[in-house]
Protein backbone atom coordinates (compact mmCIF):
# COMPACT_ATOMS: atom_id res chain seq x y z
CA MET A 1 38.37 -177.26 -208.72
CA LEU A 2 41.63 -175.84 -210.08
CA LEU A 3 44.02 -177.05 -212.71
CA ASP A 4 47.26 -178.50 -211.39
CA MET A 5 49.45 -175.65 -212.55
CA ALA A 6 52.61 -177.36 -211.32
CA ALA A 7 51.98 -180.37 -213.57
CA SER A 8 52.60 -178.50 -216.82
CA ASP A 9 54.77 -175.75 -218.25
CA PRO A 10 53.43 -172.34 -217.20
CA ALA A 11 52.12 -169.94 -219.83
CA PRO A 12 54.29 -166.88 -220.54
CA VAL A 13 51.54 -164.67 -219.04
CA THR A 14 48.78 -165.85 -216.69
CA LEU A 15 45.88 -163.72 -215.46
CA VAL A 16 44.29 -165.04 -212.24
CA LEU A 17 40.84 -163.48 -212.27
CA GLY A 18 38.46 -163.57 -209.31
CA ASP A 19 38.07 -162.74 -205.64
CA GLU A 20 38.56 -166.12 -203.93
CA GLU A 21 41.90 -165.36 -202.28
CA LEU A 22 42.86 -168.88 -201.24
CA LEU A 23 42.33 -170.27 -204.74
CA ALA A 24 44.13 -167.31 -206.32
CA GLU A 25 47.11 -167.88 -204.04
CA ARG A 26 47.19 -171.54 -205.04
CA VAL A 27 47.24 -170.71 -208.74
CA VAL A 28 50.15 -168.30 -208.21
CA SER A 29 52.01 -170.90 -206.14
CA GLY A 30 51.35 -173.50 -208.83
CA VAL A 31 52.81 -171.31 -211.56
CA VAL A 32 55.90 -170.57 -209.46
CA ALA A 33 56.32 -174.28 -208.67
CA ALA A 34 56.03 -175.18 -212.36
CA ALA A 35 58.64 -172.59 -213.31
CA ARG A 36 61.02 -173.82 -210.62
CA ALA A 37 60.45 -177.45 -211.64
CA ALA A 38 61.72 -176.51 -215.09
CA ASP A 39 64.60 -174.47 -213.65
CA PRO A 40 65.34 -174.66 -209.90
CA GLY A 41 67.31 -171.44 -210.11
CA THR A 42 64.30 -169.39 -211.20
CA GLU A 43 64.12 -166.07 -209.35
CA VAL A 44 60.72 -164.80 -208.13
CA HIS A 45 59.77 -161.11 -207.98
CA ASP A 46 56.57 -160.60 -205.97
CA LEU A 47 55.06 -157.14 -206.48
CA VAL A 48 51.91 -155.24 -205.44
CA GLY A 49 50.03 -153.39 -208.18
CA GLY A 50 49.88 -149.97 -206.53
CA LYS A 51 53.66 -149.90 -206.08
CA VAL A 52 54.76 -150.91 -209.60
CA GLY A 53 56.32 -147.99 -211.41
CA THR A 54 56.55 -147.25 -215.11
CA GLY A 55 59.45 -149.13 -216.67
CA GLU A 56 59.81 -151.58 -213.79
CA LEU A 57 58.29 -154.46 -215.77
CA THR A 58 60.66 -153.81 -218.66
CA GLN A 59 63.60 -153.89 -216.29
CA LEU A 60 62.51 -157.15 -214.64
CA THR A 61 61.75 -158.93 -217.93
CA SER A 62 64.81 -157.82 -219.89
CA PRO A 63 66.88 -160.79 -221.16
CA SER A 64 69.74 -161.77 -218.86
CA LEU A 65 73.27 -162.16 -220.17
CA PHE A 66 73.45 -165.41 -218.23
CA GLY A 67 70.08 -166.76 -219.42
CA ASP A 68 68.57 -166.61 -215.93
CA ARG A 69 64.84 -167.33 -215.73
CA SER A 70 62.40 -165.47 -213.52
CA VAL A 71 58.78 -165.24 -212.43
CA VAL A 72 57.20 -161.83 -211.96
CA VAL A 73 54.04 -161.86 -209.83
CA ILE A 74 51.92 -158.70 -209.71
CA ARG A 75 49.15 -158.90 -207.13
CA SER A 76 46.15 -156.54 -206.96
CA ALA A 77 46.70 -155.63 -210.59
CA GLN A 78 43.56 -153.50 -210.51
CA ASP A 79 45.65 -150.83 -208.75
CA LEU A 80 48.19 -150.44 -211.55
CA SER A 81 48.51 -147.04 -213.20
CA LYS A 82 47.33 -146.48 -216.77
CA GLU A 83 50.93 -146.22 -217.96
CA VAL A 84 51.88 -149.56 -216.41
CA ILE A 85 48.73 -151.21 -217.77
CA ALA A 86 49.68 -150.08 -221.28
CA GLU A 87 53.17 -151.47 -220.69
CA LEU A 88 51.75 -154.82 -219.51
CA VAL A 89 49.39 -155.19 -222.45
CA ALA A 90 52.23 -154.46 -224.89
CA TYR A 91 54.46 -156.95 -223.09
CA THR A 92 51.79 -159.69 -223.21
CA LYS A 93 51.75 -159.44 -227.00
CA GLN A 94 55.47 -160.29 -227.13
CA PRO A 95 56.50 -161.86 -223.78
CA SER A 96 60.07 -162.70 -222.90
CA ASP A 97 61.21 -166.31 -223.28
CA ASP A 98 63.03 -166.11 -219.94
CA THR A 99 60.18 -164.70 -217.83
CA VAL A 100 56.82 -165.99 -216.58
CA LEU A 101 54.40 -163.20 -215.66
CA VAL A 102 51.46 -163.75 -213.29
CA LEU A 103 48.79 -161.12 -212.64
CA THR A 104 46.03 -161.33 -210.02
CA HIS A 105 42.85 -159.28 -210.38
CA PRO A 106 39.69 -159.63 -208.25
CA GLY A 107 37.33 -158.81 -211.10
CA GLY A 108 35.03 -155.82 -211.23
CA VAL A 109 35.26 -152.51 -213.04
CA LYS A 110 38.52 -151.19 -211.59
CA GLY A 111 41.41 -152.12 -213.82
CA LYS A 112 39.10 -153.60 -216.47
CA ALA A 113 41.31 -152.15 -219.21
CA LEU A 114 44.11 -154.43 -218.00
CA VAL A 115 41.87 -157.50 -218.00
CA ASP A 116 40.51 -156.83 -221.47
CA GLY A 117 43.93 -155.90 -222.84
CA VAL A 118 45.91 -158.92 -221.64
CA LYS A 119 43.08 -161.30 -222.56
CA LYS A 120 43.06 -159.95 -226.11
CA ALA A 121 46.87 -160.10 -226.22
CA GLY A 122 46.80 -163.84 -225.48
CA ALA A 123 47.29 -164.27 -221.73
CA ALA A 124 46.14 -167.55 -220.14
CA VAL A 125 43.19 -166.89 -217.83
CA VAL A 126 42.36 -168.84 -214.68
CA THR A 127 39.07 -167.86 -213.03
CA VAL A 128 38.72 -168.18 -209.25
CA ASN A 129 35.31 -166.76 -208.46
CA LYS A 130 34.04 -166.68 -204.89
CA VAL A 131 32.74 -170.05 -203.74
CA THR A 132 29.20 -169.24 -202.55
CA LYS A 133 26.99 -172.28 -203.11
CA PRO A 134 26.82 -175.16 -200.60
CA ALA A 135 27.43 -177.68 -203.39
CA GLU A 136 30.60 -175.83 -204.41
CA ARG A 137 31.90 -175.83 -200.84
CA LEU A 138 31.18 -179.54 -200.54
CA ASP A 139 33.10 -180.08 -203.78
CA PHE A 140 35.97 -178.05 -202.33
CA ILE A 141 36.09 -180.32 -199.25
CA LYS A 142 36.12 -183.43 -201.42
CA GLN A 143 38.89 -182.01 -203.60
CA GLU A 144 40.98 -181.06 -200.55
CA ILE A 145 40.75 -184.60 -199.21
CA LYS A 146 41.48 -186.01 -202.68
CA ARG A 147 44.61 -183.84 -202.95
CA ALA A 148 45.92 -185.75 -199.95
CA GLY A 149 45.22 -189.09 -201.63
CA ARG A 150 42.08 -189.88 -199.65
CA ASN A 151 38.30 -189.82 -200.07
CA ILE A 152 35.47 -188.59 -197.85
CA SER A 153 31.88 -189.82 -197.73
CA ALA A 154 29.06 -187.43 -198.64
CA ASP A 155 27.60 -187.34 -195.12
CA ALA A 156 31.05 -186.77 -193.61
CA ALA A 157 31.72 -183.84 -195.98
CA GLN A 158 28.35 -182.30 -195.07
CA ALA A 159 29.04 -182.70 -191.34
CA LEU A 160 32.42 -181.03 -191.77
CA LEU A 161 30.88 -178.10 -193.64
CA ASP A 162 28.14 -177.71 -191.02
CA ALA A 163 30.68 -177.70 -188.20
CA VAL A 164 33.30 -175.41 -189.68
CA GLY A 165 31.36 -172.94 -191.82
CA ASN A 166 32.03 -171.45 -195.24
CA ASP A 167 35.48 -169.86 -195.02
CA LEU A 168 37.72 -171.74 -197.48
CA ARG A 169 40.88 -171.18 -195.46
CA GLU A 170 39.29 -172.71 -192.38
CA LEU A 171 37.89 -175.58 -194.42
CA ALA A 172 41.29 -176.26 -195.99
CA ALA A 173 43.03 -176.22 -192.61
CA VAL A 174 40.46 -178.57 -191.10
CA CYS A 175 40.65 -180.96 -194.06
CA ASN A 176 44.44 -181.11 -193.75
CA GLN A 177 44.29 -181.82 -190.05
CA LEU A 178 41.52 -184.39 -190.47
CA VAL A 179 43.64 -186.28 -193.00
CA PHE A 180 46.55 -186.16 -190.58
CA ASP A 181 44.43 -187.48 -187.70
CA THR A 182 42.72 -190.38 -189.50
CA GLN A 183 44.04 -193.47 -191.24
CA ASP A 184 41.04 -194.77 -193.22
CA LYS A 185 41.18 -194.52 -197.00
CA THR A 186 37.67 -193.07 -196.99
CA ILE A 187 36.94 -190.62 -194.17
CA SER A 188 33.58 -191.44 -192.60
CA LEU A 189 30.98 -189.52 -190.63
CA GLU A 190 32.20 -191.32 -187.51
CA ALA A 191 35.75 -190.12 -188.16
CA VAL A 192 34.54 -186.52 -188.46
CA ALA A 193 32.59 -186.89 -185.20
CA ARG A 194 35.67 -188.25 -183.41
CA TYR A 195 37.77 -185.46 -184.87
CA HIS A 196 35.50 -182.75 -183.46
CA LYS A 197 35.41 -184.42 -180.06
CA GLY A 198 39.16 -184.89 -179.96
CA ARG A 199 42.27 -183.27 -181.24
CA ALA A 200 40.86 -180.59 -183.52
CA GLU A 201 38.66 -179.00 -180.87
CA VAL A 202 41.38 -179.22 -178.29
CA THR A 203 44.03 -177.66 -180.49
CA GLY A 204 43.71 -174.80 -182.91
CA PHE A 205 40.09 -173.86 -182.37
CA THR A 206 40.30 -174.16 -178.59
CA VAL A 207 43.46 -172.06 -178.53
CA ALA A 208 41.78 -169.42 -180.70
CA ASP A 209 38.61 -169.29 -178.61
CA ALA A 210 40.55 -169.03 -175.35
CA ALA A 211 42.77 -166.24 -176.71
CA ILE A 212 39.91 -164.28 -178.24
CA GLU A 213 37.92 -164.57 -175.01
CA GLY A 214 40.87 -163.31 -172.95
CA ARG A 215 41.78 -166.56 -171.18
CA LEU A 216 45.56 -166.28 -171.50
CA ALA A 217 46.69 -169.12 -169.22
CA GLU A 218 44.31 -171.61 -170.83
CA ALA A 219 45.22 -170.49 -174.36
CA LEU A 220 48.96 -170.92 -173.70
CA GLU A 221 48.42 -174.29 -172.02
CA GLN A 222 46.37 -175.61 -174.95
CA LEU A 223 48.89 -174.17 -177.43
CA ARG A 224 51.79 -175.96 -175.76
CA TRP A 225 49.81 -179.20 -175.61
CA ALA A 226 48.96 -178.95 -179.30
CA LEU A 227 52.58 -178.32 -180.31
CA GLY A 228 53.71 -181.14 -178.04
CA THR A 229 51.38 -183.63 -179.71
CA GLY A 230 52.62 -182.79 -183.19
CA VAL A 231 50.01 -180.37 -184.51
CA ALA A 232 51.52 -178.31 -187.34
CA PRO A 233 52.11 -174.66 -186.32
CA VAL A 234 50.57 -173.49 -189.61
CA LEU A 235 47.24 -175.04 -188.58
CA LEU A 236 47.33 -173.21 -185.26
CA VAL A 237 48.03 -169.91 -187.02
CA SER A 238 45.13 -170.62 -189.36
CA ALA A 239 42.78 -171.19 -186.42
CA LEU A 240 43.84 -167.93 -184.76
CA ALA A 241 43.43 -166.03 -188.03
CA GLY A 242 40.05 -167.64 -188.67
CA GLY A 243 38.77 -166.66 -185.24
CA LEU A 244 39.80 -163.04 -185.70
CA ARG A 245 38.34 -162.91 -189.22
CA SER A 246 35.04 -164.17 -187.82
CA LEU A 247 35.08 -161.35 -185.25
CA ALA A 248 35.68 -158.81 -188.00
CA LYS A 249 32.95 -160.25 -190.25
CA VAL A 250 30.28 -160.39 -187.56
CA GLY A 251 31.29 -157.07 -186.02
CA GLY A 252 31.11 -155.34 -189.40
CA ALA A 253 27.81 -156.86 -190.54
CA PRO A 254 24.81 -154.56 -191.22
CA ARG A 255 22.83 -154.09 -188.01
CA ASN A 256 19.47 -154.54 -189.74
CA LEU A 257 20.15 -158.17 -190.73
CA ARG A 258 18.87 -160.97 -188.52
CA GLY A 259 18.64 -164.74 -188.51
CA GLY A 260 18.84 -166.39 -191.92
CA GLN A 261 19.55 -163.11 -193.72
CA LEU A 262 22.59 -162.48 -191.53
CA ALA A 263 23.81 -166.07 -191.94
CA SER A 264 23.47 -165.80 -195.72
CA HIS A 265 25.24 -162.42 -195.80
CA LEU A 266 28.17 -163.65 -193.70
CA GLY A 267 28.36 -167.17 -195.11
CA MET A 268 28.39 -168.59 -191.59
CA PRO A 269 26.00 -170.99 -189.81
CA PRO A 270 23.69 -169.34 -187.22
CA TRP A 271 25.24 -171.20 -184.28
CA LYS A 272 28.66 -169.82 -185.14
CA ILE A 273 27.31 -166.27 -185.50
CA ASP A 274 25.78 -166.48 -182.02
CA ARG A 275 29.09 -167.70 -180.61
CA VAL A 276 31.10 -164.95 -182.30
CA LYS A 277 28.65 -162.30 -181.09
CA ARG A 278 29.37 -163.40 -177.52
CA GLN A 279 33.11 -163.31 -178.22
CA LEU A 280 32.88 -159.75 -179.58
CA ASN A 281 32.30 -158.40 -176.09
CA GLY A 282 35.45 -156.53 -175.16
CA TRP A 283 36.77 -156.07 -178.70
CA GLY A 284 37.21 -152.80 -180.59
CA PRO A 285 38.54 -151.98 -184.08
CA GLU A 286 42.04 -150.96 -182.93
CA GLY A 287 42.52 -154.05 -180.79
CA LEU A 288 41.30 -156.30 -183.58
CA SER A 289 43.74 -154.67 -186.00
CA ARG A 290 46.66 -155.22 -183.60
CA ALA A 291 45.68 -158.84 -183.07
CA MET A 292 45.43 -159.50 -186.82
CA GLN A 293 48.87 -157.97 -187.39
CA ALA A 294 50.33 -160.20 -184.66
CA VAL A 295 48.87 -163.29 -186.32
CA ALA A 296 50.16 -162.16 -189.73
CA ASP A 297 53.65 -161.82 -188.21
CA ALA A 298 53.35 -165.28 -186.65
CA ASP A 299 52.22 -166.72 -189.99
CA GLU A 300 55.36 -165.36 -191.67
CA GLN A 301 57.59 -166.80 -188.95
CA VAL A 302 56.08 -170.30 -188.88
CA LYS A 303 56.45 -170.47 -192.66
CA GLY A 304 60.18 -169.94 -192.48
CA GLY A 305 60.72 -166.35 -191.47
CA GLY A 306 61.63 -167.16 -187.86
CA ALA A 307 63.69 -169.74 -186.00
CA ASP A 308 61.12 -170.64 -183.32
CA PRO A 309 57.48 -171.18 -184.45
CA GLY A 310 56.44 -172.00 -180.87
CA TYR A 311 57.67 -168.66 -179.58
CA ALA A 312 55.99 -166.84 -182.48
CA LEU A 313 52.67 -168.50 -181.68
CA GLU A 314 52.94 -167.78 -177.95
CA HIS A 315 53.70 -164.13 -178.70
CA ALA A 316 50.69 -163.92 -181.03
CA VAL A 317 48.41 -165.38 -178.35
CA GLN A 318 49.71 -162.88 -175.79
CA VAL A 319 49.12 -159.96 -178.16
CA ILE A 320 45.60 -161.19 -178.96
CA VAL A 321 44.67 -161.32 -175.26
CA ALA A 322 46.29 -157.94 -174.56
CA SER A 323 44.43 -156.38 -177.53
CA ARG A 324 41.05 -157.28 -176.07
CA THR A 325 40.77 -153.89 -174.42
CA GLY A 326 37.10 -153.00 -174.82
CA ARG A 327 35.09 -150.85 -177.14
């Protein structure tokens, strides 16, 4: 679905265009990995569009006396000021030999001058449009499994999609765990069925459901069991985040949509919508915001920002349960 950015030298300027966040993040990570493969000492500057000031790009891309290489990532480039956009377009025409620049833009009208300008100036463009069609999501599942050196049968991929839903982050997490839990070269429908009856349901998704529904003791027990059996903390964080995102999506859906229209609007199967609606009881906007922030903090810690991923996850679960304070 995406080019292997880490397998080749990165372009001097890359524009990642589209609103599929997971795929955009992977492109950025691929460019950074490619730059560091060429020079392990490459420094990375990760910036947000709305906070980039005039002249900052010039400062970051100026040649170093020591020949140091760098990657400058500017996310949400649609929020850049007109002055910075003009600076970026001019830079793209004559980029520095020592710097790789990566811009992410979700598409749309806002910041279109930047998109048009850097395209015309010669930037490499990688498009990551939202994955909306069932066939595209099935292709995503197959590519995820293939990335891990395995294959998956067509009926198994369909069963996985039906069970998990359409969120790419959840699908990616489930594919990774499924590969970890099975040994066959080609993952079968039977393997997917065993997976959903066994470890996957009794780890991340069970922990998330118990926490979201306010069952603290059960959530902590299942969390400790999952960690004790070798489930990666990042998968548990993903399940918690996915559960909270589902609450936000269903809770924020237009009230006039029902049945198939609602399922199509949310990109979720009807059975999952019904389940999330039941889980919404007891949740309000402020509590959901606190819970999401706690999971974001845990995500940072399990990815290297903290010394004890288990403690970070337990704290996140406790905050989630405590945030379920009613409407």
